[in-house]
Amino acid sequence: MKNQPLVSVIVPIYNVEIYLEKCINSIINQTYKNLEIILVDDGSPDNCGKICDEYVLKDKRIKVIHKPNGGLSDARNAGLDMAKGEYIGFVDSDDYIAEEMYKELVDIALKDGADIVACAQYILNNKGVRVSQANIADLTIDEIRYLILMDRYSNCVPDKLYKANLFRDLRFCVGVYSEDLFIMPSLFFAAKKAVLTKKPYYYYNCTNQSSIMSSFSAKRKYGFFNGWAEHERISALSCKRALKWSQFRAIRCAVSSLVVDIHKPVLTQKEIKHCKSYLETKRKEGIIADIGIKYKILWWGLDNCPLICKLYGKLSFLLDKFKKSMKRRKG
């Protein structure tokens, strides 16, 4: 391990008791041994905290943080504040990784001088397993940045290895959902070089329905808006060809957030004001042509006929309930 750089692996943990041991074991059993494993118990109400403490006695590389619940971003930030590694990895606690993952990613990082190395994923759902992002060719950093901004390559945090200095002045945005979408452009624009490998090493678990917020939630839609607005901001500064697409997505998500919130209010006044202010700015800029007829009608309805939005919200709610019911039956 003398010539191997230390990798800090941060695992945010909340209410995943049935998945946690498989996750931790997959990290402990890595063929790459020079790891610092940081388990962040984010105020989990089940036995996760106890399981974490038991693993400290099994492996001296493990450190545990017990903290009040603050959400995924807050837990990751707590891990980053403790991390001592030259490289940083993240594993979500209901997922797991192939035993050779960090060996392969560190080898690539050292060989190519990469600040970020990303792998493909195994996607686990009720239908089986499929591989994502397997057909990416060799790309320059600018080409990869473009794909990230367009969401044509994974905007997920955990399927990557990062040089620790990328997080020197950067932390996850606390209090919003879709935190991965928000932070990913900043990471790739801070990186001087990135490498994408076609090989899948990360097992992304889509069967844990408790970890997935309803697609109907205005909070979730607001998180997407926040993420796409950040993509738009960075595109305007550094990648103009991605600007139109990120604006299109941000506008649609802002409209959706407000429409869904009319039916089932959960947004704060600050979040509502943020959406409305953004949409007003885009209206003044005349950027409405490409958002689609449905979103044009809903946008108009927000100002002129809230009943349209209320009916659409009710329909969306019923459709969401039906989809979840069908998933439970299949599961």
C-alpha atoms as a PDB file:
ATOM      1  CA  MET A   1       0.000   0.000   0.000  1.00  0.00           C
ATOM      2  CA  LYS A   2       3.067   2.269   0.253  1.00  0.00           C
ATOM      3  CA  ASN A   3       2.790   3.513  -3.332  1.00  0.00           C
ATOM      4  CA  GLN A   4      -0.983   3.491  -3.463  1.00  0.00           C
ATOM      5  CA  PRO A   5      -2.757   6.827  -2.887  1.00  0.00           C
ATOM      6  CA  LEU A   6      -5.354   6.847  -0.133  1.00  0.00           C
ATOM      7  CA  VAL A   7      -8.965   6.770  -1.348  1.00  0.00           C
ATOM      8  CA  SER A   8     -11.646   8.111   0.989  1.00  0.00           C
ATOM      9  CA  VAL A   9     -14.964   6.358   0.336  1.00  0.00           C
ATOM     10  CA  ILE A  10     -17.935   8.286   1.749  1.00  0.00           C
ATOM     11  CA  VAL A  11     -21.193   6.413   2.430  1.00  0.00           C
ATOM     12  CA  PRO A  12     -24.219   8.532   3.472  1.00  0.00           C
ATOM     13  CA  ILE A  13     -26.643   6.312   5.401  1.00  0.00           C
ATOM     14  CA  TYR A  14     -30.328   6.722   6.179  1.00  0.00           C
ATOM     15  CA  ASN A  15     -33.017   4.056   6.709  1.00  0.00           C
ATOM     16  CA  VAL A  16     -31.338   1.325   4.616  1.00  0.00           C
ATOM     17  CA  GLU A  17     -30.924  -1.410   7.207  1.00  0.00           C
ATOM     18  CA  ILE A  18     -31.694  -4.272   4.802  1.00  0.00           C
ATOM     19  CA  TYR A  19     -29.148  -3.077   2.217  1.00  0.00           C
ATOM     20  CA  LEU A  20     -26.361  -1.669   4.371  1.00  0.00           C
ATOM     21  CA  GLU A  21     -24.243  -4.747   5.105  1.00  0.00           C
ATOM     22  CA  LYS A  22     -24.028  -5.689   1.425  1.00  0.00           C
ATOM     23  CA  CYS A  23     -22.945  -2.154   0.619  1.00  0.00           C
ATOM     24  CA  ILE A  24     -20.254  -1.991   3.313  1.00  0.00           C
ATOM     25  CA  ASN A  25     -18.976  -5.500   2.547  1.00  0.00           C
ATOM     26  CA  SER A  26     -18.527  -4.588  -1.118  1.00  0.00           C
ATOM     27  CA  ILE A  27     -16.245  -1.724  -0.056  1.00  0.00           C
ATOM     28  CA  ILE A  28     -14.314  -3.694   2.572  1.00  0.00           C
ATOM     29  CA  ASN A  29     -13.658  -6.464   0.028  1.00  0.00           C
ATOM     30  CA  GLN A  30     -12.145  -4.191  -2.605  1.00  0.00           C
ATOM     31  CA  THR A  31      -8.961  -5.498  -4.183  1.00  0.00           C
ATOM     32  CA  TYR A  32      -7.633  -1.961  -3.657  1.00  0.00           C
ATOM     33  CA  LYS A  33      -6.804  -1.906   0.038  1.00  0.00           C
ATOM     34  CA  ASN A  34      -5.610   1.630   0.827  1.00  0.00           C
ATOM     35  CA  LEU A  35      -9.069   2.927   1.691  1.00  0.00           C
ATOM     36  CA  GLU A  36     -10.509   5.234   4.305  1.00  0.00           C
ATOM     37  CA  ILE A  37     -14.166   4.200   4.661  1.00  0.00           C
ATOM     38  CA  ILE A  38     -16.342   6.954   6.131  1.00  0.00           C
ATOM     39  CA  LEU A  39     -19.826   5.825   7.164  1.00  0.00           C
ATOM     40  CA  VAL A  40     -22.117   8.787   7.803  1.00  0.00           C
ATOM     41  CA  ASP A  41     -25.144   7.818   9.885  1.00  0.00           C
ATOM     42  CA  ASP A  42     -27.492  10.665   8.991  1.00  0.00           C
ATOM     43  CA  GLY A  43     -29.776  10.274  12.006  1.00  0.00           C
ATOM     44  CA  SER A  44     -31.139   6.985  10.679  1.00  0.00           C
ATOM     45  CA  PRO A  45     -34.201   5.809  12.687  1.00  0.00           C
ATOM     46  CA  ASP A  46     -33.520   2.097  12.185  1.00  0.00           C
ATOM     47  CA  ASN A  47     -30.506  -0.047  13.197  1.00  0.00           C
ATOM     48  CA  CYS A  48     -28.090   1.523  10.690  1.00  0.00           C
ATOM     49  CA  GLY A  49     -26.161   3.393  13.391  1.00  0.00           C
ATOM     50  CA  LYS A  50     -25.640   0.192  15.364  1.00  0.00           C
ATOM     51  CA  ILE A  51     -24.519  -1.687  12.238  1.00  0.00           C
ATOM     52  CA  CYS A  52     -21.981   1.049  11.498  1.00  0.00           C
ATOM     53  CA  ASP A  53     -20.531   0.817  15.024  1.00  0.00           C
ATOM     54  CA  GLU A  54     -20.212  -2.966  14.686  1.00  0.00           C
ATOM     55  CA  TYR A  55     -18.225  -2.565  11.459  1.00  0.00           C
ATOM     56  CA  VAL A  56     -15.731  -0.225  13.159  1.00  0.00           C
ATOM     57  CA  LEU A  57     -14.677  -3.230  15.283  1.00  0.00           C
ATOM     58  CA  LYS A  58     -14.259  -5.384  12.156  1.00  0.00           C
ATOM     59  CA  ASP A  59     -12.089  -3.097  10.028  1.00  0.00           C
ATOM     60  CA  LYS A  60      -9.702  -0.393  11.239  1.00  0.00           C
ATOM     61  CA  ARG A  61     -10.109   1.524   7.961  1.00  0.00           C
ATOM     62  CA  ILE A  62     -13.709   2.382   8.907  1.00  0.00           C
ATOM     63  CA  LYS A  63     -14.695   5.647  10.574  1.00  0.00           C
ATOM     64  CA  VAL A  64     -18.240   6.510  11.629  1.00  0.00           C
ATOM     65  CA  ILE A  65     -19.983   9.858  11.889  1.00  0.00           C
ATOM     66  CA  HIS A  66     -23.284   9.964  13.793  1.00  0.00           C
ATOM     67  CA  LYS A  67     -25.184  13.179  13.088  1.00  0.00           C
ATOM     68  CA  PRO A  68     -28.740  14.552  13.129  1.00  0.00           C
ATOM     69  CA  ASN A  69     -30.651  14.017   9.905  1.00  0.00           C
ATOM     70  CA  GLY A  70     -29.751  16.678   7.374  1.00  0.00           C
ATOM     71  CA  GLY A  71     -30.260  14.903   4.062  1.00  0.00           C
ATOM     72  CA  LEU A  72     -27.973  13.340   1.486  1.00  0.00           C
ATOM     73  CA  SER A  73     -25.975  16.485   0.670  1.00  0.00           C
ATOM     74  CA  ASP A  74     -25.349  17.304   4.320  1.00  0.00           C
ATOM     75  CA  ALA A  75     -24.175  13.740   4.992  1.00  0.00           C
ATOM     76  CA  ARG A  76     -21.794  13.800   2.023  1.00  0.00           C
ATOM     77  CA  ASN A  77     -20.429  17.163   3.141  1.00  0.00           C
ATOM     78  CA  ALA A  78     -19.785  15.769   6.630  1.00  0.00           C
ATOM     79  CA  GLY A  79     -17.813  12.952   5.028  1.00  0.00           C
ATOM     80  CA  LEU A  80     -15.833  15.380   2.881  1.00  0.00           C
ATOM     81  CA  ASP A  81     -14.932  17.435   5.949  1.00  0.00           C
ATOM     82  CA  MET A  82     -13.386  14.324   7.532  1.00  0.00           C
ATOM     83  CA  ALA A  83     -11.780  12.812   4.412  1.00  0.00           C
ATOM     84  CA  LYS A  84      -7.982  12.567   4.271  1.00  0.00           C
ATOM     85  CA  GLY A  85      -7.627  10.766   0.933  1.00  0.00           C
ATOM     86  CA  GLU A  86      -5.913  11.966  -2.223  1.00  0.00           C
ATOM     87  CA  TYR A  87      -8.965  10.637  -4.075  1.00  0.00           C
ATOM     88  CA  ILE A  88     -12.644  10.643  -3.096  1.00  0.00           C
ATOM     89  CA  GLY A  89     -15.333   8.086  -3.898  1.00  0.00           C
ATOM     90  CA  PHE A  90     -19.010   7.968  -2.950  1.00  0.00           C
ATOM     91  CA  VAL A  91     -21.253   4.919  -2.569  1.00  0.00           C
ATOM     92  CA  ASP A  92     -24.965   5.260  -1.810  1.00  0.00           C
ATOM     93  CA  SER A  93     -25.883   2.940   1.028  1.00  0.00           C
ATOM     94  CA  ASP A  94     -28.527   0.921  -0.839  1.00  0.00           C
ATOM     95  CA  ASP A  95     -26.091   0.278  -3.714  1.00  0.00           C
ATOM     96  CA  TYR A  96     -22.892  -1.771  -3.890  1.00  0.00           C
ATOM     97  CA  ILE A  97     -19.750  -1.990  -6.019  1.00  0.00           C
ATOM     98  CA  ALA A  98     -17.696  -4.605  -7.853  1.00  0.00           C
ATOM     99  CA  GLU A  99     -14.642  -5.725  -5.894  1.00  0.00           C
ATOM    100  CA  GLU A 100     -12.207  -4.361  -8.492  1.00  0.00           C
ATOM    101  CA  MET A 101     -13.847  -0.941  -8.877  1.00  0.00           C
ATOM    102  CA  TYR A 102     -11.381   1.280  -7.030  1.00  0.00           C
ATOM    103  CA  LYS A 103      -8.334  -0.681  -8.218  1.00  0.00           C
ATOM    104  CA  GLU A 104      -9.372  -0.100 -11.838  1.00  0.00           C
ATOM    105  CA  LEU A 105     -10.378   3.540 -11.384  1.00  0.00           C
ATOM    106  CA  VAL A 106      -7.216   4.468  -9.452  1.00  0.00           C
ATOM    107  CA  ASP A 107      -5.046   2.729 -12.068  1.00  0.00           C
ATOM    108  CA  ILE A 108      -6.712   4.797 -14.823  1.00  0.00           C
ATOM    109  CA  ALA A 109      -6.413   8.019 -12.809  1.00  0.00           C
ATOM    110  CA  LEU A 110      -2.681   7.495 -12.230  1.00  0.00           C
ATOM    111  CA  LYS A 111      -1.924   6.277 -15.754  1.00  0.00           C
ATOM    112  CA  ASP A 112      -3.796   9.093 -17.517  1.00  0.00           C
ATOM    113  CA  GLY A 113      -3.388  11.864 -14.943  1.00  0.00           C
ATOM    114  CA  ALA A 114      -7.165  12.195 -14.666  1.00  0.00           C
ATOM    115  CA  ASP A 115      -8.958  14.286 -12.063  1.00  0.00           C
ATOM    116  CA  ILE A 116     -12.184  12.305 -12.592  1.00  0.00           C
ATOM    117  CA  VAL A 117     -12.615   8.706 -13.717  1.00  0.00           C
ATOM    118  CA  ALA A 118     -16.154   7.476 -14.395  1.00  0.00           C
ATOM    119  CA  CYS A 119     -17.378   3.944 -14.983  1.00  0.00           C
ATOM    120  CA  ALA A 120     -20.553   2.427 -16.380  1.00  0.00           C
ATOM    121  CA  GLN A 121     -23.318   1.173 -14.066  1.00  0.00           C
ATOM    122  CA  TYR A 122     -25.265  -2.002 -13.567  1.00  0.00           C
ATOM    123  CA  ILE A 123     -28.874  -0.831 -13.184  1.00  0.00           C
ATOM    124  CA  LEU A 124     -30.835  -3.179 -10.913  1.00  0.00           C
ATOM    125  CA  ASN A 125     -34.625  -3.035 -11.115  1.00  0.00           C
ATOM    126  CA  ASN A 126     -37.592  -5.410 -10.896  1.00  0.00           C
ATOM    127  CA  LYS A 127     -37.069  -6.466 -14.507  1.00  0.00           C
ATOM    128  CA  GLY A 128     -33.470  -7.573 -13.962  1.00  0.00           C
ATOM    129  CA  VAL A 129     -30.098  -5.965 -14.659  1.00  0.00           C
ATOM    130  CA  ARG A 130     -28.943  -3.764 -17.505  1.00  0.00           C
ATOM    131  CA  VAL A 131     -25.734  -1.851 -18.177  1.00  0.00           C
ATOM    132  CA  SER A 132     -25.804   1.899 -18.695  1.00  0.00           C
ATOM    133  CA  GLN A 133     -23.267   4.198 -20.343  1.00  0.00           C
ATOM    134  CA  ALA A 134     -21.380   1.305 -21.960  1.00  0.00           C
ATOM    135  CA  ASN A 135     -20.851   2.773 -25.440  1.00  0.00           C
ATOM    136  CA  ILE A 136     -18.835   5.923 -24.755  1.00  0.00           C
ATOM    137  CA  ALA A 137     -15.752   6.372 -26.942  1.00  0.00           C
ATOM    138  CA  ASP A 138     -12.540   8.221 -25.996  1.00  0.00           C
ATOM    139  CA  LEU A 139     -13.501  11.858 -25.483  1.00  0.00           C
ATOM    140  CA  THR A 140     -11.768  15.129 -24.656  1.00  0.00           C
ATOM    141  CA  ILE A 141     -12.606  16.978 -21.455  1.00  0.00           C
ATOM    142  CA  ASP A 142     -14.630  19.549 -23.440  1.00  0.00           C
ATOM    143  CA  GLU A 143     -16.658  16.797 -25.117  1.00  0.00           C
ATOM    144  CA  ILE A 144     -17.341  15.184 -21.731  1.00  0.00           C
ATOM    145  CA  ARG A 145     -18.389  18.524 -20.235  1.00  0.00           C
ATOM    146  CA  TYR A 146     -20.854  18.983 -23.072  1.00  0.00           C
ATOM    147  CA  LEU A 147     -22.345  15.522 -22.462  1.00  0.00           C
ATOM    148  CA  ILE A 148     -22.689  16.279 -18.736  1.00  0.00           C
ATOM    149  CA  LEU A 149     -24.411  19.606 -19.404  1.00  0.00           C
ATOM    150  CA  MET A 150     -26.804  17.916 -21.833  1.00  0.00           C
ATOM    151  CA  ASP A 151     -27.401  14.984 -19.438  1.00  0.00           C
ATOM    152  CA  ARG A 152     -26.190  12.575 -22.105  1.00  0.00           C
ATOM    153  CA  TYR A 153     -23.743  11.033 -19.680  1.00  0.00           C
ATOM    154  CA  SER A 154     -24.391  10.078 -16.073  1.00  0.00           C
ATOM    155  CA  ASN A 155     -24.908  13.066 -13.770  1.00  0.00           C
ATOM    156  CA  CYS A 156     -24.734  10.658 -10.822  1.00  0.00           C
ATOM    157  CA  VAL A 157     -22.041  11.222  -8.208  1.00  0.00           C
ATOM    158  CA  PRO A 158     -21.270   7.671  -6.964  1.00  0.00           C
ATOM    159  CA  ASP A 159     -20.108   6.008 -10.222  1.00  0.00           C
ATOM    160  CA  LYS A 160     -16.946   8.122 -10.306  1.00  0.00           C
ATOM    161  CA  LEU A 161     -13.578   8.652  -8.614  1.00  0.00           C
ATOM    162  CA  TYR A 162     -12.500  12.249  -7.915  1.00  0.00           C
ATOM    163  CA  LYS A 163      -9.226  13.961  -7.120  1.00  0.00           C
ATOM    164  CA  ALA A 164      -9.790  15.356  -3.642  1.00  0.00           C
ATOM    165  CA  ASN A 165      -8.655  18.867  -4.566  1.00  0.00           C
ATOM    166  CA  LEU A 166     -11.811  19.264  -6.695  1.00  0.00           C
ATOM    167  CA  PHE A 167     -13.718  19.593  -3.411  1.00  0.00           C
ATOM    168  CA  ARG A 168     -11.349  22.111  -1.851  1.00  0.00           C
ATOM    169  CA  ASP A 169     -13.828  24.959  -2.368  1.00  0.00           C
ATOM    170  CA  LEU A 170     -16.884  22.929  -3.387  1.00  0.00           C
ATOM    171  CA  ARG A 171     -19.619  21.252  -1.372  1.00  0.00           C
ATOM    172  CA  PHE A 172     -23.014  19.690  -2.096  1.00  0.00           C
ATOM    173  CA  CYS A 173     -26.038  21.992  -2.090  1.00  0.00           C
ATOM    174  CA  VAL A 174     -27.992  21.287   1.113  1.00  0.00           C
ATOM    175  CA  GLY A 175     -31.777  21.437   1.247  1.00  0.00           C
ATOM    176  CA  VAL A 176     -32.653  20.568  -2.365  1.00  0.00           C
ATOM    177  CA  TYR A 177     -33.150  17.309  -4.224  1.00  0.00           C
ATOM    178  CA  SER A 178     -31.245  16.312  -7.390  1.00  0.00           C
ATOM    179  CA  GLU A 179     -28.014  17.409  -5.733  1.00  0.00           C
ATOM    180  CA  ASP A 180     -26.010  15.279  -8.181  1.00  0.00           C
ATOM    181  CA  LEU A 181     -27.435  17.148 -11.168  1.00  0.00           C
ATOM    182  CA  PHE A 182     -26.539  20.446  -9.485  1.00  0.00           C
ATOM    183  CA  ILE A 183     -22.906  19.708  -8.619  1.00  0.00           C
ATOM    184  CA  MET A 184     -21.742  17.659 -11.596  1.00  0.00           C
ATOM    185  CA  PRO A 185     -20.993  20.526 -14.045  1.00  0.00           C
ATOM    186  CA  SER A 186     -18.888  22.319 -11.407  1.00  0.00           C
ATOM    187  CA  LEU A 187     -16.827  19.178 -10.828  1.00  0.00           C
ATOM    188  CA  PHE A 188     -16.163  18.561 -14.513  1.00  0.00           C
ATOM    189  CA  PHE A 189     -15.316  22.199 -15.241  1.00  0.00           C
ATOM    190  CA  ALA A 190     -12.904  22.175 -12.294  1.00  0.00           C
ATOM    191  CA  ALA A 191     -11.240  19.014 -13.659  1.00  0.00           C
ATOM    192  CA  LYS A 192      -8.423  19.384 -16.164  1.00  0.00           C
ATOM    193  CA  LYS A 193      -8.826  15.828 -17.443  1.00  0.00           C
ATOM    194  CA  ALA A 194     -11.519  13.149 -17.150  1.00  0.00           C
ATOM    195  CA  VAL A 195     -11.657   9.578 -18.397  1.00  0.00           C
ATOM    196  CA  LEU A 196     -14.787   7.508 -19.028  1.00  0.00           C
ATOM    197  CA  THR A 197     -14.425   3.740 -18.977  1.00  0.00           C
ATOM    198  CA  LYS A 198     -16.986   1.498 -20.644  1.00  0.00           C
ATOM    199  CA  LYS A 199     -16.665  -1.138 -17.932  1.00  0.00           C
ATOM    200  CA  PRO A 200     -19.461  -1.299 -15.327  1.00  0.00           C
ATOM    201  CA  TYR A 201     -18.346  -1.469 -11.700  1.00  0.00           C
ATOM    202  CA  TYR A 202     -21.165   0.287  -9.829  1.00  0.00           C
ATOM    203  CA  TYR A 203     -24.430  -1.493  -8.963  1.00  0.00           C
ATOM    204  CA  TYR A 204     -27.221   1.088  -8.832  1.00  0.00           C
ATOM    205  CA  ASN A 205     -30.237  -0.265  -6.946  1.00  0.00           C
ATOM    206  CA  CYS A 206     -33.578   0.961  -8.327  1.00  0.00           C
ATOM    207  CA  THR A 207     -35.596  -1.582  -6.334  1.00  0.00           C
ATOM    208  CA  ASN A 208     -35.499   0.436  -3.102  1.00  0.00           C
ATOM    209  CA  GLN A 209     -38.724   2.387  -3.524  1.00  0.00           C
ATOM    210  CA  SER A 210     -38.337   4.065  -0.127  1.00  0.00           C
ATOM    211  CA  SER A 211     -35.304   5.953  -1.439  1.00  0.00           C
ATOM    212  CA  ILE A 212     -37.125   7.353  -4.450  1.00  0.00           C
ATOM    213  CA  MET A 213     -39.294  10.420  -3.942  1.00  0.00           C
ATOM    214  CA  SER A 214     -42.588  10.448  -5.830  1.00  0.00           C
ATOM    215  CA  SER A 215     -42.287  11.904  -9.314  1.00  0.00           C
ATOM    216  CA  PHE A 216     -45.350  13.955  -8.375  1.00  0.00           C
ATOM    217  CA  SER A 217     -43.561  15.827  -5.570  1.00  0.00           C
ATOM    218  CA  ALA A 218     -43.094  19.558  -6.134  1.00  0.00           C
ATOM    219  CA  LYS A 219     -39.932  19.349  -4.011  1.00  0.00           C
ATOM    220  CA  ARG A 220     -38.442  16.816  -6.388  1.00  0.00           C
ATOM    221  CA  LYS A 221     -39.404  18.893  -9.418  1.00  0.00           C
ATOM    222  CA  TYR A 222     -37.950  21.987  -7.767  1.00  0.00           C
ATOM    223  CA  GLY A 223     -34.715  20.056  -7.252  1.00  0.00           C
ATOM    224  CA  PHE A 224     -34.567  19.320 -10.965  1.00  0.00           C
ATOM    225  CA  PHE A 225     -35.255  22.989 -11.705  1.00  0.00           C
ATOM    226  CA  ASN A 226     -32.421  24.017  -9.409  1.00  0.00           C
ATOM    227  CA  GLY A 227     -30.073  21.560 -11.120  1.00  0.00           C
ATOM    228  CA  TRP A 228     -30.992  22.608 -14.639  1.00  0.00           C
ATOM    229  CA  ALA A 229     -30.740  26.285 -13.750  1.00  0.00           C
ATOM    230  CA  GLU A 230     -27.174  25.573 -12.621  1.00  0.00           C
ATOM    231  CA  HIS A 231     -26.500  23.750 -15.912  1.00  0.00           C
ATOM    232  CA  GLU A 232     -27.843  26.825 -17.695  1.00  0.00           C
ATOM    233  CA  ARG A 233     -25.611  29.168 -15.687  1.00  0.00           C
ATOM    234  CA  ILE A 234     -22.464  27.188 -16.453  1.00  0.00           C
ATOM    235  CA  SER A 235     -23.462  26.692 -20.108  1.00  0.00           C
ATOM    236  CA  ALA A 236     -23.848  30.466 -20.517  1.00  0.00           C
ATOM    237  CA  LEU A 237     -20.344  30.989 -19.143  1.00  0.00           C
ATOM    238  CA  SER A 238     -18.441  28.115 -20.686  1.00  0.00           C
ATOM    239  CA  CYS A 239     -20.402  26.025 -23.217  1.00  0.00           C
ATOM    240  CA  LYS A 240     -22.872  28.043 -25.301  1.00  0.00           C
ATOM    241  CA  ARG A 241     -23.952  25.070 -27.426  1.00  0.00           C
ATOM    242  CA  ALA A 242     -25.546  23.462 -24.346  1.00  0.00           C
ATOM    243  CA  LEU A 243     -27.346  26.655 -23.306  1.00  0.00           C
ATOM    244  CA  LYS A 244     -30.596  26.242 -25.216  1.00  0.00           C
ATOM    245  CA  TRP A 245     -31.177  22.697 -23.963  1.00  0.00           C
ATOM    246  CA  SER A 246     -30.498  23.544 -20.308  1.00  0.00           C
ATOM    247  CA  GLN A 247     -32.824  26.584 -20.548  1.00  0.00           C
ATOM    248  CA  PHE A 248     -35.530  24.389 -22.052  1.00  0.00           C
ATOM    249  CA  ARG A 249     -35.241  21.875 -19.213  1.00  0.00           C
ATOM    250  CA  ALA A 250     -35.043  24.525 -16.483  1.00  0.00           C
ATOM    251  CA  ILE A 251     -38.159  26.328 -17.736  1.00  0.00           C
ATOM    252  CA  ARG A 252     -40.169  23.102 -17.897  1.00  0.00           C
ATOM    253  CA  CYS A 253     -39.075  22.107 -14.378  1.00  0.00           C
ATOM    254  CA  ALA A 254     -39.892  25.565 -12.970  1.00  0.00           C
ATOM    255  CA  VAL A 255     -43.386  25.402 -14.490  1.00  0.00           C
ATOM    256  CA  SER A 256     -43.891  21.833 -13.217  1.00  0.00           C
ATOM    257  CA  SER A 257     -42.787  22.806  -9.697  1.00  0.00           C
ATOM    258  CA  LEU A 258     -45.365  25.574  -9.452  1.00  0.00           C
ATOM    259  CA  VAL A 259     -48.175  23.595 -11.090  1.00  0.00           C
ATOM    260  CA  VAL A 260     -47.753  20.544  -8.852  1.00  0.00           C
ATOM    261  CA  ASP A 261     -47.433  22.781  -5.796  1.00  0.00           C
ATOM    262  CA  ILE A 262     -50.871  24.259  -6.527  1.00  0.00           C
ATOM    263  CA  HIS A 263     -52.433  20.813  -6.063  1.00  0.00           C
ATOM    264  CA  LYS A 264     -50.252  19.678  -3.159  1.00  0.00           C
ATOM    265  CA  PRO A 265     -48.400  22.629  -1.558  1.00  0.00           C
ATOM    266  CA  VAL A 266     -44.959  21.794  -0.140  1.00  0.00           C
ATOM    267  CA  LEU A 267     -42.682  24.502  -1.545  1.00  0.00           C
ATOM    268  CA  THR A 268     -41.483  27.337   0.667  1.00  0.00           C
ATOM    269  CA  GLN A 269     -42.239  30.939  -0.269  1.00  0.00           C
ATOM    270  CA  LYS A 270     -38.557  31.354  -1.149  1.00  0.00           C
ATOM    271  CA  GLU A 271     -38.705  28.394  -3.557  1.00  0.00           C
ATOM    272  CA  ILE A 272     -41.932  29.659  -5.160  1.00  0.00           C
ATOM    273  CA  LYS A 273     -40.419  33.112  -5.573  1.00  0.00           C
ATOM    274  CA  HIS A 274     -37.298  31.582  -7.121  1.00  0.00           C
ATOM    275  CA  CYS A 275     -39.357  29.746  -9.764  1.00  0.00           C
ATOM    276  CA  LYS A 276     -41.561  32.738 -10.525  1.00  0.00           C
ATOM    277  CA  SER A 277     -38.633  35.130 -10.753  1.00  0.00           C
ATOM    278  CA  TYR A 278     -36.804  32.764 -13.106  1.00  0.00           C
ATOM    279  CA  LEU A 279     -39.848  32.360 -15.366  1.00  0.00           C
ATOM    280  CA  GLU A 280     -40.455  36.104 -15.460  1.00  0.00           C
ATOM    281  CA  THR A 281     -36.847  36.636 -16.551  1.00  0.00           C
ATOM    282  CA  LYS A 282     -37.223  34.068 -19.332  1.00  0.00           C
ATOM    283  CA  ARG A 283     -40.500  35.633 -20.451  1.00  0.00           C
ATOM    284  CA  LYS A 284     -38.784  39.019 -20.765  1.00  0.00           C
ATOM    285  CA  GLU A 285     -35.968  37.363 -22.725  1.00  0.00           C
ATOM    286  CA  GLY A 286     -38.549  35.789 -25.029  1.00  0.00           C
ATOM    287  CA  ILE A 287     -37.323  32.239 -24.362  1.00  0.00           C
ATOM    288  CA  ILE A 288     -40.576  30.293 -24.613  1.00  0.00           C
ATOM    289  CA  ALA A 289     -40.650  28.916 -28.169  1.00  0.00           C
ATOM    290  CA  ASP A 290     -39.262  25.425 -27.606  1.00  0.00           C
ATOM    291  CA  ILE A 291     -40.751  24.294 -24.306  1.00  0.00           C
ATOM    292  CA  GLY A 292     -43.682  22.412 -25.879  1.00  0.00           C
ATOM    293  CA  ILE A 293     -47.397  23.166 -26.110  1.00  0.00           C
ATOM    294  CA  LYS A 294     -48.262  21.487 -22.775  1.00  0.00           C
ATOM    295  CA  TYR A 295     -45.834  23.650 -20.829  1.00  0.00           C
ATOM    296  CA  LYS A 296     -46.877  26.795 -22.699  1.00  0.00           C
ATOM    297  CA  ILE A 297     -50.489  26.165 -21.630  1.00  0.00           C
ATOM    298  CA  LEU A 298     -49.485  25.424 -18.021  1.00  0.00           C
ATOM    299  CA  TRP A 299     -47.256  28.505 -17.893  1.00  0.00           C
ATOM    300  CA  TRP A 300     -50.133  30.611 -19.178  1.00  0.00           C
ATOM    301  CA  GLY A 301     -52.460  28.937 -16.671  1.00  0.00           C
ATOM    302  CA  LEU A 302     -50.203  29.857 -13.730  1.00  0.00           C
ATOM    303  CA  ASP A 303     -50.923  33.544 -14.378  1.00  0.00           C
ATOM    304  CA  ASN A 304     -54.355  33.451 -15.984  1.00  0.00           C
ATOM    305  CA  CYS A 305     -56.283  30.295 -15.115  1.00  0.00           C
ATOM    306  CA  PRO A 306     -55.069  28.392 -12.017  1.00  0.00           C
ATOM    307  CA  LEU A 307     -57.972  25.948 -12.483  1.00  0.00           C
ATOM    308  CA  ILE A 308     -56.130  24.426 -15.484  1.00  0.00           C
ATOM    309  CA  CYS A 309     -53.095  23.865 -13.283  1.00  0.00           C
ATOM    310  CA  LYS A 310     -55.224  22.446 -10.475  1.00  0.00           C
ATOM    311  CA  LEU A 311     -56.873  19.929 -12.821  1.00  0.00           C
ATOM    312  CA  TYR A 312     -53.522  18.965 -14.316  1.00  0.00           C
ATOM    313  CA  GLY A 313     -52.083  18.547 -10.808  1.00  0.00           C
ATOM    314  CA  LYS A 314     -54.963  16.292  -9.794  1.00  0.00           C
ATOM    315  CA  LEU A 315     -54.540  14.173 -12.915  1.00  0.00           C
ATOM    316  CA  SER A 316     -50.790  13.920 -12.318  1.00  0.00           C
ATOM    317  CA  PHE A 317     -51.407  12.859  -8.722  1.00  0.00           C
ATOM    318  CA  LEU A 318     -53.817  10.084  -9.752  1.00  0.00           C
ATOM    319  CA  LEU A 319     -51.450   8.896 -12.481  1.00  0.00           C
ATOM    320  CA  ASP A 320     -48.565   8.815 -10.004  1.00  0.00           C
ATOM    321  CA  LYS A 321     -50.626   6.724  -7.568  1.00  0.00           C
ATOM    322  CA  PHE A 322     -51.513   4.306 -10.374  1.00  0.00           C
ATOM    323  CA  LYS A 323     -47.862   3.921 -11.418  1.00  0.00           C
ATOM    324  CA  LYS A 324     -46.753   3.225  -7.841  1.00  0.00           C
ATOM    325  CA  SER A 325     -49.564   0.700  -7.427  1.00  0.00           C
ATOM    326  CA  MET A 326     -48.458  -1.121 -10.586  1.00  0.00           C
ATOM    327  CA  LYS A 327     -44.826  -1.145  -9.380  1.00  0.00           C
ATOM    328  CA  ARG A 328     -45.869  -2.693  -6.057  1.00  0.00           C
ATOM    329  CA  ARG A 329     -47.822  -5.409  -7.866  1.00  0.00           C
ATOM    330  CA  LYS A 330     -44.892  -6.235 -10.126  1.00  0.00           C
ATOM    331  CA  GLY A 331     -42.480  -6.157  -7.181  1.00  0.00           C
END
